[in-house]
Amino acid sequence: MTKALSTFAIAGMLHVDPGSVANWIDQGLLKAHRTPGGHRRVAAGDLEWFLRKHEMPIPEELYSSPTQVLVVDDEPAITQMISQTIKAAHPEYEILEAHDGFAAGTVLATARPDVVVLDLRMPGMDGFAVCQVIRAKKNTSHAHVIAITAHPSPENEHRIIKCGANVCLSKPLDMELLLREIETAVER
């Protein structure tokens, strides 16, 4: 799968104004497509071609690295089921696992996951605290956090969204919905 980059992501990488990137696209200098919502997206390979053609430096973050998904749940069977489902649908993704909040913190110290599937209730450090750590750290603040819980309530959902999660899904998980949420996050 080719990673699609937004004009804002490209602008951040190149340290230019997002309007400049939009102008390059509109002038036909940089190949792009539009999402159904009208947003411009550029394939990483097309951006690399553009940069080489215009003798611009290629930022390190453009070099492809696999999409990383961190799955955090204190029940190993659930972690394994989620990981296997994601891997079956997207063998190109790198799946990382942690079985408690502290282990998740250890993984987050060295990895830069693009997506985190995060259980709310775990012994020790719960999902709320892990989400706050994700948002507080510069190298993980970009991650799309999908909270999951066997105890859905408006209070839990409000609290985890306030902590920085993008969405909260109920257990038992609808695996198709989870995959769609992950795919949407990766496309951004």
N, C-alpha and C. Protein backbone atom coordinates (compact mmCIF):
# COMPACT_ATOMS: atom_id res chain seq x y z
N MET A 1 0.84 -1.18 0.00
CA MET A 1 0.00 0.00 0.00
C MET A 1 0.89 1.24 0.00
N THR A 2 0.57 2.20 -0.84
CA THR A 2 1.29 3.45 -0.90
C THR A 2 0.67 4.41 0.10
N LYS A 3 1.52 5.03 0.87
CA LYS A 3 1.03 5.97 1.85
C LYS A 3 0.66 7.27 1.16
N ALA A 4 -0.55 7.77 1.44
CA ALA A 4 -1.03 9.03 0.86
C ALA A 4 -0.78 10.14 1.87
N LEU A 5 -0.22 11.23 1.42
CA LEU A 5 0.15 12.35 2.29
C LEU A 5 -0.74 13.55 2.02
N SER A 6 -1.14 14.22 3.08
CA SER A 6 -1.94 15.44 2.94
C SER A 6 -1.02 16.62 2.62
N THR A 7 -1.63 17.71 2.17
CA THR A 7 -0.83 18.91 1.91
C THR A 7 -0.19 19.43 3.20
N PHE A 8 -0.88 19.27 4.33
CA PHE A 8 -0.32 19.72 5.61
C PHE A 8 0.86 18.86 6.04
N ALA A 9 0.76 17.53 5.81
CA ALA A 9 1.87 16.64 6.16
C ALA A 9 3.10 16.97 5.30
N ILE A 10 2.88 17.20 4.01
CA ILE A 10 3.99 17.54 3.11
C ILE A 10 4.60 18.87 3.51
N ALA A 11 3.75 19.86 3.80
CA ALA A 11 4.24 21.17 4.22
C ALA A 11 5.10 21.05 5.47
N GLY A 12 4.67 20.23 6.42
CA GLY A 12 5.45 20.04 7.64
C GLY A 12 6.79 19.40 7.37
N MET A 13 6.81 18.42 6.48
CA MET A 13 8.06 17.74 6.13
C MET A 13 9.05 18.67 5.45
N LEU A 14 8.52 19.52 4.56
CA LEU A 14 9.38 20.38 3.74
C LEU A 14 9.59 21.77 4.34
N HIS A 15 8.90 22.04 5.44
CA HIS A 15 9.00 23.36 6.10
C HIS A 15 8.58 24.49 5.15
N VAL A 16 7.44 24.27 4.49
CA VAL A 16 6.86 25.28 3.61
C VAL A 16 5.40 25.49 4.01
N ASP A 17 4.78 26.48 3.45
CA ASP A 17 3.38 26.77 3.71
C ASP A 17 2.50 25.74 2.99
N PRO A 18 1.42 25.27 3.63
CA PRO A 18 0.52 24.33 2.95
C PRO A 18 -0.03 24.89 1.63
N GLY A 19 -0.18 26.21 1.55
CA GLY A 19 -0.63 26.84 0.31
C GLY A 19 0.34 26.61 -0.84
N SER A 20 1.63 26.57 -0.54
CA SER A 20 2.63 26.29 -1.58
C SER A 20 2.43 24.89 -2.15
N VAL A 21 2.19 23.93 -1.26
CA VAL A 21 1.97 22.55 -1.71
C VAL A 21 0.71 22.50 -2.58
N ALA A 22 -0.36 23.15 -2.13
CA ALA A 22 -1.61 23.18 -2.90
C ALA A 22 -1.37 23.81 -4.27
N ASN A 23 -0.57 24.87 -4.32
CA ASN A 23 -0.27 25.51 -5.61
C ASN A 23 0.49 24.57 -6.54
N TRP A 24 1.48 23.82 -6.00
CA TRP A 24 2.23 22.86 -6.82
C TRP A 24 1.27 21.84 -7.44
N ILE A 25 0.31 21.40 -6.64
CA ILE A 25 -0.67 20.41 -7.13
C ILE A 25 -1.55 21.05 -8.19
N ASP A 26 -2.09 22.24 -7.90
CA ASP A 26 -3.00 22.91 -8.82
C ASP A 26 -2.33 23.27 -10.14
N GLN A 27 -1.02 23.53 -10.11
CA GLN A 27 -0.27 23.86 -11.32
C GLN A 27 0.17 22.61 -12.09
N GLY A 28 -0.12 21.43 -11.54
CA GLY A 28 0.25 20.19 -12.21
C GLY A 28 1.71 19.80 -12.01
N LEU A 29 2.40 20.46 -11.12
CA LEU A 29 3.80 20.13 -10.86
C LEU A 29 3.94 18.91 -9.97
N LEU A 30 2.99 18.72 -9.06
CA LEU A 30 3.00 17.61 -8.12
C LEU A 30 1.73 16.80 -8.32
N LYS A 31 1.89 15.53 -8.69
CA LYS A 31 0.75 14.67 -8.96
C LYS A 31 0.00 14.37 -7.66
N ALA A 32 -1.34 14.46 -7.72
CA ALA A 32 -2.16 14.22 -6.54
C ALA A 32 -3.53 13.71 -6.96
N HIS A 33 -4.27 13.22 -5.99
CA HIS A 33 -5.66 12.85 -6.21
C HIS A 33 -6.48 13.52 -5.11
N ARG A 34 -7.78 13.48 -5.28
CA ARG A 34 -8.67 14.07 -4.27
C ARG A 34 -9.48 12.99 -3.61
N THR A 35 -9.70 13.14 -2.32
CA THR A 35 -10.55 12.23 -1.57
C THR A 35 -12.01 12.57 -1.89
N PRO A 36 -12.94 11.69 -1.53
CA PRO A 36 -14.35 12.04 -1.74
C PRO A 36 -14.74 13.36 -1.05
N GLY A 37 -14.03 13.72 0.00
CA GLY A 37 -14.30 14.98 0.69
C GLY A 37 -13.62 16.18 0.06
N GLY A 38 -12.87 15.96 -1.03
CA GLY A 38 -12.23 17.06 -1.75
C GLY A 38 -10.82 17.40 -1.29
N HIS A 39 -10.26 16.61 -0.38
CA HIS A 39 -8.91 16.88 0.12
C HIS A 39 -7.86 16.33 -0.83
N ARG A 40 -6.78 17.06 -1.01
CA ARG A 40 -5.70 16.63 -1.88
C ARG A 40 -4.85 15.59 -1.14
N ARG A 41 -4.45 14.54 -1.87
CA ARG A 41 -3.56 13.52 -1.32
C ARG A 41 -2.49 13.19 -2.35
N VAL A 42 -1.27 13.01 -1.86
CA VAL A 42 -0.12 12.77 -2.73
C VAL A 42 0.53 11.46 -2.30
N ALA A 43 0.78 10.58 -3.25
CA ALA A 43 1.49 9.34 -2.96
C ALA A 43 2.94 9.69 -2.63
N ALA A 44 3.51 8.96 -1.68
CA ALA A 44 4.89 9.23 -1.25
C ALA A 44 5.85 9.17 -2.43
N GLY A 45 5.66 8.22 -3.34
CA GLY A 45 6.53 8.11 -4.51
C GLY A 45 6.44 9.32 -5.42
N ASP A 46 5.23 9.87 -5.56
CA ASP A 46 5.06 11.07 -6.39
C ASP A 46 5.75 12.28 -5.77
N LEU A 47 5.69 12.37 -4.44
CA LEU A 47 6.38 13.47 -3.76
C LEU A 47 7.89 13.32 -3.93
N GLU A 48 8.39 12.11 -3.79
CA GLU A 48 9.82 11.88 -3.96
C GLU A 48 10.26 12.26 -5.37
N TRP A 49 9.47 11.88 -6.40
CA TRP A 49 9.78 12.23 -7.78
C TRP A 49 9.85 13.75 -7.93
N PHE A 50 8.84 14.45 -7.40
CA PHE A 50 8.78 15.92 -7.47
C PHE A 50 10.03 16.54 -6.84
N LEU A 51 10.41 16.05 -5.67
CA LEU A 51 11.56 16.62 -4.96
C LEU A 51 12.85 16.40 -5.76
N ARG A 52 13.01 15.20 -6.30
CA ARG A 52 14.21 14.92 -7.11
C ARG A 52 14.24 15.80 -8.36
N LYS A 53 13.11 15.92 -9.04
CA LYS A 53 13.03 16.72 -10.26
C LYS A 53 13.41 18.18 -9.99
N HIS A 54 12.99 18.70 -8.86
CA HIS A 54 13.26 20.10 -8.53
C HIS A 54 14.48 20.27 -7.63
N GLU A 55 15.29 19.21 -7.55
CA GLU A 55 16.55 19.21 -6.80
C GLU A 55 16.38 19.73 -5.38
N MET A 56 15.32 19.24 -4.74
CA MET A 56 15.05 19.59 -3.35
C MET A 56 15.46 18.42 -2.46
N PRO A 57 15.87 18.69 -1.23
CA PRO A 57 16.26 17.58 -0.34
C PRO A 57 15.05 16.70 0.00
N ILE A 58 15.31 15.42 0.12
CA ILE A 58 14.26 14.46 0.45
C ILE A 58 14.30 14.24 1.96
N PRO A 59 13.21 14.60 2.66
CA PRO A 59 13.19 14.44 4.11
C PRO A 59 13.24 12.97 4.53
N GLU A 60 13.90 12.73 5.64
CA GLU A 60 14.07 11.37 6.15
C GLU A 60 12.73 10.66 6.37
N GLU A 61 11.72 11.39 6.86
CA GLU A 61 10.44 10.75 7.15
C GLU A 61 9.68 10.30 5.92
N LEU A 62 10.14 10.71 4.73
CA LEU A 62 9.49 10.28 3.49
C LEU A 62 9.86 8.85 3.13
N TYR A 63 11.07 8.44 3.52
CA TYR A 63 11.47 7.08 3.20
C TYR A 63 10.51 6.12 3.86
N SER A 64 10.05 5.18 3.07
CA SER A 64 8.97 4.33 3.56
C SER A 64 9.40 3.49 4.75
N SER A 65 8.53 3.53 5.70
CA SER A 65 8.64 2.64 6.83
C SER A 65 7.26 2.02 6.96
N PRO A 66 7.21 0.80 7.43
CA PRO A 66 5.89 0.17 7.50
C PRO A 66 4.97 0.89 8.48
N THR A 67 3.70 0.84 8.18
CA THR A 67 2.70 1.36 9.10
C THR A 67 2.75 0.52 10.36
N GLN A 68 2.85 1.17 11.50
CA GLN A 68 2.89 0.45 12.78
C GLN A 68 1.57 0.61 13.51
N VAL A 69 1.05 -0.52 13.98
CA VAL A 69 -0.16 -0.54 14.78
C VAL A 69 0.18 -1.19 16.11
N LEU A 70 -0.05 -0.48 17.19
CA LEU A 70 0.17 -1.00 18.54
C LEU A 70 -1.18 -1.43 19.12
N VAL A 71 -1.26 -2.69 19.55
CA VAL A 71 -2.47 -3.22 20.15
C VAL A 71 -2.20 -3.43 21.64
N VAL A 72 -3.00 -2.76 22.49
CA VAL A 72 -2.79 -2.83 23.93
C VAL A 72 -4.07 -3.35 24.59
N ASP A 73 -3.97 -4.53 25.20
CA ASP A 73 -5.10 -5.11 25.93
C ASP A 73 -4.52 -6.09 26.94
N ASP A 74 -5.09 -6.13 28.15
CA ASP A 74 -4.57 -7.02 29.18
C ASP A 74 -5.00 -8.47 28.99
N GLU A 75 -5.85 -8.73 28.03
CA GLU A 75 -6.25 -10.11 27.72
C GLU A 75 -5.50 -10.55 26.47
N PRO A 76 -4.49 -11.43 26.63
CA PRO A 76 -3.68 -11.85 25.48
C PRO A 76 -4.51 -12.43 24.33
N ALA A 77 -5.59 -13.13 24.62
CA ALA A 77 -6.41 -13.70 23.55
C ALA A 77 -7.02 -12.60 22.68
N ILE A 78 -7.43 -11.51 23.31
CA ILE A 78 -8.01 -10.38 22.55
C ILE A 78 -6.92 -9.68 21.75
N THR A 79 -5.77 -9.45 22.37
CA THR A 79 -4.65 -8.82 21.67
C THR A 79 -4.28 -9.64 20.44
N GLN A 80 -4.20 -10.96 20.62
CA GLN A 80 -3.83 -11.84 19.52
C GLN A 80 -4.89 -11.84 18.42
N MET A 81 -6.16 -11.86 18.79
CA MET A 81 -7.24 -11.86 17.80
C MET A 81 -7.21 -10.57 16.98
N ILE A 82 -7.05 -9.44 17.64
CA ILE A 82 -6.99 -8.15 16.94
C ILE A 82 -5.77 -8.11 16.02
N SER A 83 -4.62 -8.52 16.53
CA SER A 83 -3.39 -8.50 15.74
C SER A 83 -3.51 -9.39 14.51
N GLN A 84 -4.05 -10.60 14.68
CA GLN A 84 -4.19 -11.52 13.55
C GLN A 84 -5.17 -10.98 12.51
N THR A 85 -6.24 -10.35 12.95
CA THR A 85 -7.22 -9.78 12.03
C THR A 85 -6.59 -8.66 11.21
N ILE A 86 -5.85 -7.78 11.87
CA ILE A 86 -5.19 -6.68 11.16
C ILE A 86 -4.16 -7.23 10.18
N LYS A 87 -3.35 -8.18 10.64
CA LYS A 87 -2.28 -8.74 9.80
C LYS A 87 -2.85 -9.47 8.59
N ALA A 88 -4.00 -10.15 8.77
CA ALA A 88 -4.62 -10.85 7.65
C ALA A 88 -5.09 -9.86 6.58
N ALA A 89 -5.63 -8.73 7.02
CA ALA A 89 -6.12 -7.72 6.09
C ALA A 89 -4.99 -6.88 5.50
N HIS A 90 -3.93 -6.67 6.30
CA HIS A 90 -2.82 -5.80 5.89
C HIS A 90 -1.49 -6.42 6.29
N PRO A 91 -1.00 -7.39 5.53
CA PRO A 91 0.26 -8.04 5.89
C PRO A 91 1.46 -7.09 5.87
N GLU A 92 1.29 -5.94 5.22
CA GLU A 92 2.39 -4.98 5.17
C GLU A 92 2.54 -4.17 6.46
N TYR A 93 1.55 -4.20 7.33
CA TYR A 93 1.61 -3.46 8.59
C TYR A 93 2.51 -4.20 9.58
N GLU A 94 3.18 -3.43 10.40
CA GLU A 94 3.94 -4.00 11.51
C GLU A 94 3.05 -3.91 12.74
N ILE A 95 2.76 -5.04 13.36
CA ILE A 95 1.88 -5.09 14.52
C ILE A 95 2.73 -5.24 15.77
N LEU A 96 2.53 -4.35 16.72
CA LEU A 96 3.20 -4.40 18.02
C LEU A 96 2.15 -4.71 19.06
N GLU A 97 2.53 -5.41 20.12
CA GLU A 97 1.57 -5.77 21.16
C GLU A 97 2.11 -5.41 22.54
N ALA A 98 1.17 -5.07 23.42
CA ALA A 98 1.49 -4.86 24.84
C ALA A 98 0.29 -5.34 25.63
N HIS A 99 0.56 -5.94 26.80
CA HIS A 99 -0.52 -6.54 27.59
C HIS A 99 -0.85 -5.77 28.86
N ASP A 100 -0.29 -4.59 29.01
CA ASP A 100 -0.68 -3.70 30.09
C ASP A 100 -0.15 -2.31 29.77
N GLY A 101 -0.58 -1.34 30.56
CA GLY A 101 -0.21 0.04 30.29
C GLY A 101 1.27 0.31 30.40
N PHE A 102 1.93 -0.34 31.37
CA PHE A 102 3.36 -0.13 31.54
C PHE A 102 4.14 -0.69 30.36
N ALA A 103 3.74 -1.86 29.86
CA ALA A 103 4.39 -2.45 28.68
C ALA A 103 4.16 -1.55 27.46
N ALA A 104 2.97 -0.97 27.37
CA ALA A 104 2.68 -0.04 26.27
C ALA A 104 3.63 1.15 26.34
N GLY A 105 3.87 1.65 27.55
CA GLY A 105 4.80 2.77 27.72
C GLY A 105 6.20 2.42 27.25
N THR A 106 6.62 1.19 27.51
CA THR A 106 7.93 0.73 27.06
C THR A 106 8.00 0.69 25.53
N VAL A 107 6.96 0.18 24.90
CA VAL A 107 6.91 0.13 23.44
C VAL A 107 6.92 1.56 22.88
N LEU A 108 6.13 2.44 23.49
CA LEU A 108 6.03 3.82 23.01
C LEU A 108 7.34 4.59 23.16
N ALA A 109 8.24 4.12 24.04
CA ALA A 109 9.53 4.79 24.22
C ALA A 109 10.43 4.60 23.00
N THR A 110 10.20 3.52 22.24
CA THR A 110 11.08 3.25 21.10
C THR A 110 10.36 3.23 19.75
N ALA A 111 9.06 3.02 19.75
CA ALA A 111 8.31 2.92 18.49
C ALA A 111 7.52 4.20 18.24
N ARG A 112 7.13 4.38 16.98
CA ARG A 112 6.28 5.51 16.60
C ARG A 112 5.05 4.97 15.90
N PRO A 113 4.14 4.35 16.65
CA PRO A 113 2.98 3.75 15.98
C PRO A 113 2.11 4.80 15.31
N ASP A 114 1.56 4.41 14.17
CA ASP A 114 0.63 5.28 13.45
C ASP A 114 -0.77 5.17 14.05
N VAL A 115 -1.08 3.98 14.56
CA VAL A 115 -2.39 3.70 15.15
C VAL A 115 -2.17 2.92 16.44
N VAL A 116 -2.96 3.26 17.46
CA VAL A 116 -2.93 2.51 18.72
C VAL A 116 -4.35 2.05 19.01
N VAL A 117 -4.52 0.73 19.16
CA VAL A 117 -5.79 0.15 19.60
C VAL A 117 -5.61 -0.09 21.09
N LEU A 118 -6.41 0.60 21.91
CA LEU A 118 -6.12 0.72 23.33
C LEU A 118 -7.32 0.36 24.21
N ASP A 119 -7.17 -0.69 25.00
CA ASP A 119 -8.20 -1.07 25.97
C ASP A 119 -8.22 -0.03 27.10
N LEU A 120 -9.42 0.29 27.58
CA LEU A 120 -9.53 1.28 28.66
C LEU A 120 -9.20 0.72 30.04
N ARG A 121 -9.71 -0.47 30.33
CA ARG A 121 -9.54 -1.03 31.67
C ARG A 121 -8.45 -2.07 31.69
N MET A 122 -7.36 -1.71 32.34
CA MET A 122 -6.23 -2.63 32.52
C MET A 122 -5.69 -2.40 33.92
N PRO A 123 -5.10 -3.43 34.50
CA PRO A 123 -4.52 -3.25 35.83
C PRO A 123 -3.31 -2.31 35.76
N GLY A 124 -3.03 -1.63 36.83
CA GLY A 124 -1.89 -0.71 36.86
C GLY A 124 -2.24 0.57 36.12
N MET A 125 -1.57 0.78 35.02
CA MET A 125 -1.79 1.97 34.20
C MET A 125 -2.91 1.69 33.22
N ASP A 126 -4.04 2.38 33.36
CA ASP A 126 -5.19 2.12 32.49
C ASP A 126 -5.06 2.84 31.14
N GLY A 127 -6.04 2.60 30.26
CA GLY A 127 -6.01 3.19 28.93
C GLY A 127 -6.09 4.70 28.92
N PHE A 128 -6.75 5.27 29.91
CA PHE A 128 -6.85 6.73 29.99
C PHE A 128 -5.45 7.34 30.18
N ALA A 129 -4.69 6.74 31.10
CA ALA A 129 -3.33 7.24 31.37
C ALA A 129 -2.42 7.00 30.17
N VAL A 130 -2.54 5.84 29.53
CA VAL A 130 -1.72 5.55 28.35
C VAL A 130 -2.02 6.56 27.24
N CYS A 131 -3.29 6.87 27.04
CA CYS A 131 -3.68 7.83 26.01
C CYS A 131 -3.05 9.20 26.29
N GLN A 132 -3.04 9.60 27.54
CA GLN A 132 -2.44 10.88 27.89
C GLN A 132 -0.93 10.88 27.61
N VAL A 133 -0.27 9.74 27.85
CA VAL A 133 1.16 9.61 27.55
C VAL A 133 1.38 9.73 26.04
N ILE A 134 0.53 9.06 25.26
CA ILE A 134 0.64 9.12 23.80
C ILE A 134 0.55 10.56 23.32
N ARG A 135 -0.40 11.30 23.81
CA ARG A 135 -0.60 12.68 23.37
C ARG A 135 0.48 13.63 23.88
N ALA A 136 1.09 13.30 25.01
CA ALA A 136 2.10 14.18 25.61
C ALA A 136 3.48 14.05 24.95
N LYS A 137 3.75 12.90 24.34
CA LYS A 137 5.08 12.66 23.76
C LYS A 137 5.12 13.12 22.31
N LYS A 138 6.16 13.85 21.97
CA LYS A 138 6.30 14.38 20.61
C LYS A 138 6.32 13.29 19.55
N ASN A 139 7.01 12.17 19.83
CA ASN A 139 7.14 11.13 18.81
C ASN A 139 5.89 10.24 18.67
N THR A 140 4.89 10.42 19.55
CA THR A 140 3.67 9.60 19.43
C THR A 140 2.40 10.44 19.34
N SER A 141 2.50 11.73 19.48
CA SER A 141 1.30 12.57 19.52
C SER A 141 0.49 12.51 18.22
N HIS A 142 1.12 12.10 17.13
CA HIS A 142 0.44 11.98 15.83
C HIS A 142 -0.45 10.75 15.74
N ALA A 143 -0.25 9.77 16.62
CA ALA A 143 -0.93 8.47 16.50
C ALA A 143 -2.44 8.61 16.60
N HIS A 144 -3.13 7.82 15.81
CA HIS A 144 -4.60 7.74 15.85
C HIS A 144 -4.93 6.72 16.93
N VAL A 145 -5.64 7.13 17.97
CA VAL A 145 -5.95 6.24 19.08
C VAL A 145 -7.39 5.75 18.98
N ILE A 146 -7.53 4.42 18.91
CA ILE A 146 -8.83 3.77 18.88
C ILE A 146 -9.00 3.09 20.23
N ALA A 147 -9.80 3.68 21.07
CA ALA A 147 -10.05 3.08 22.39
C ALA A 147 -11.08 1.97 22.23
N ILE A 148 -10.92 0.92 23.05
CA ILE A 148 -11.88 -0.18 23.06
C ILE A 148 -12.25 -0.48 24.51
N THR A 149 -13.51 -0.85 24.72
CA THR A 149 -13.93 -1.13 26.09
C THR A 149 -15.07 -2.13 26.14
N ALA A 150 -15.03 -2.97 27.17
CA ALA A 150 -16.13 -3.90 27.44
C ALA A 150 -17.17 -3.25 28.34
N HIS A 151 -16.89 -2.03 28.78
CA HIS A 151 -17.78 -1.29 29.67
C HIS A 151 -18.14 0.06 29.05
N PRO A 152 -18.89 0.02 27.93
CA PRO A 152 -19.21 1.28 27.27
C PRO A 152 -20.19 2.11 28.09
N SER A 153 -19.91 3.39 28.14
CA SER A 153 -20.82 4.34 28.79
C SER A 153 -20.50 5.71 28.24
N PRO A 154 -21.46 6.61 28.28
CA PRO A 154 -21.18 7.97 27.83
C PRO A 154 -20.03 8.61 28.62
N GLU A 155 -19.94 8.30 29.91
CA GLU A 155 -18.88 8.87 30.75
C GLU A 155 -17.51 8.39 30.29
N ASN A 156 -17.38 7.06 30.08
CA ASN A 156 -16.10 6.51 29.62
C ASN A 156 -15.72 7.09 28.25
N GLU A 157 -16.68 7.15 27.35
CA GLU A 157 -16.40 7.67 26.02
C GLU A 157 -15.97 9.13 26.08
N HIS A 158 -16.68 9.93 26.84
CA HIS A 158 -16.33 11.35 26.98
C HIS A 158 -14.93 11.50 27.58
N ARG A 159 -14.66 10.70 28.62
CA ARG A 159 -13.37 10.81 29.31
C ARG A 159 -12.21 10.43 28.40
N ILE A 160 -12.35 9.33 27.63
CA ILE A 160 -11.23 8.91 26.78
C ILE A 160 -11.04 9.86 25.60
N ILE A 161 -12.11 10.40 25.08
CA ILE A 161 -11.99 11.40 24.00
C ILE A 161 -11.28 12.64 24.54
N LYS A 162 -11.62 13.02 25.76
CA LYS A 162 -10.97 14.17 26.40
C LYS A 162 -9.48 13.90 26.63
N CYS A 163 -9.12 12.63 26.85
CA CYS A 163 -7.72 12.26 27.02
C CYS A 163 -6.95 12.25 25.70
N GLY A 164 -7.69 12.29 24.58
CA GLY A 164 -7.03 12.37 23.28
C GLY A 164 -7.33 11.25 22.31
N ALA A 165 -8.19 10.31 22.68
CA ALA A 165 -8.55 9.24 21.73
C ALA A 165 -9.37 9.83 20.59
N ASN A 166 -9.27 9.21 19.43
CA ASN A 166 -10.03 9.66 18.27
C ASN A 166 -11.42 9.05 18.23
N VAL A 167 -11.55 7.84 18.77
CA VAL A 167 -12.83 7.13 18.75
C VAL A 167 -12.82 6.09 19.86
N CYS A 168 -14.01 5.68 20.29
CA CYS A 168 -14.13 4.63 21.30
C CYS A 168 -15.12 3.58 20.79
N LEU A 169 -14.65 2.34 20.69
CA LEU A 169 -15.47 1.23 20.20
C LEU A 169 -15.78 0.27 21.35
N SER A 170 -16.93 -0.38 21.26
CA SER A 170 -17.37 -1.31 22.30
C SER A 170 -16.97 -2.73 21.99
N LYS A 171 -16.66 -3.49 23.04
CA LYS A 171 -16.46 -4.93 22.93
C LYS A 171 -17.81 -5.59 23.17
N PRO A 172 -18.11 -6.72 22.56
CA PRO A 172 -17.24 -7.40 21.60
C PRO A 172 -17.07 -6.54 20.35
N LEU A 173 -15.86 -6.56 19.83
CA LEU A 173 -15.51 -5.69 18.71
C LEU A 173 -16.13 -6.14 17.41
N ASP A 174 -16.60 -5.17 16.65
CA ASP A 174 -16.98 -5.38 15.26
C ASP A 174 -15.67 -5.23 14.49
N MET A 175 -15.08 -6.35 14.08
CA MET A 175 -13.75 -6.32 13.48
C MET A 175 -13.73 -5.56 12.15
N GLU A 176 -14.81 -5.61 11.40
CA GLU A 176 -14.87 -4.84 10.15
C GLU A 176 -14.83 -3.35 10.44
N LEU A 177 -15.55 -2.92 11.46
CA LEU A 177 -15.54 -1.51 11.86
C LEU A 177 -14.14 -1.11 12.33
N LEU A 178 -13.51 -1.96 13.12
CA LEU A 178 -12.16 -1.67 13.59
C LEU A 178 -11.20 -1.53 12.42
N LEU A 179 -11.26 -2.46 11.46
CA LEU A 179 -10.39 -2.37 10.29
C LEU A 179 -10.64 -1.10 9.48
N ARG A 180 -11.91 -0.74 9.31
CA ARG A 180 -12.23 0.50 8.58
C ARG A 180 -11.64 1.71 9.30
N GLU A 181 -11.75 1.73 10.62
CA GLU A 181 -11.20 2.84 11.40
C GLU A 181 -9.69 2.92 11.26
N ILE A 182 -9.01 1.77 11.28
CA ILE A 182 -7.56 1.74 11.11
C ILE A 182 -7.19 2.21 9.71
N GLU A 183 -7.88 1.71 8.69
CA GLU A 183 -7.58 2.07 7.31
C GLU A 183 -7.79 3.57 7.08
N THR A 184 -8.85 4.12 7.64
CA THR A 184 -9.11 5.56 7.51
C THR A 184 -7.98 6.36 8.16
N ALA A 185 -7.55 5.90 9.33
CA ALA A 185 -6.45 6.60 10.02
C ALA A 185 -5.16 6.55 9.21
N VAL A 186 -4.86 5.40 8.63
CA VAL A 186 -3.63 5.25 7.86
C VAL A 186 -3.67 6.11 6.59
N GLU A 187 -4.84 6.20 5.96
CA GLU A 187 -4.96 7.01 4.76
C GLU A 187 -4.72 8.49 5.04
N ARG A 188 -5.02 8.94 6.24
CA ARG A 188 -4.76 10.33 6.59
C ARG A 188 -3.28 10.53 6.68
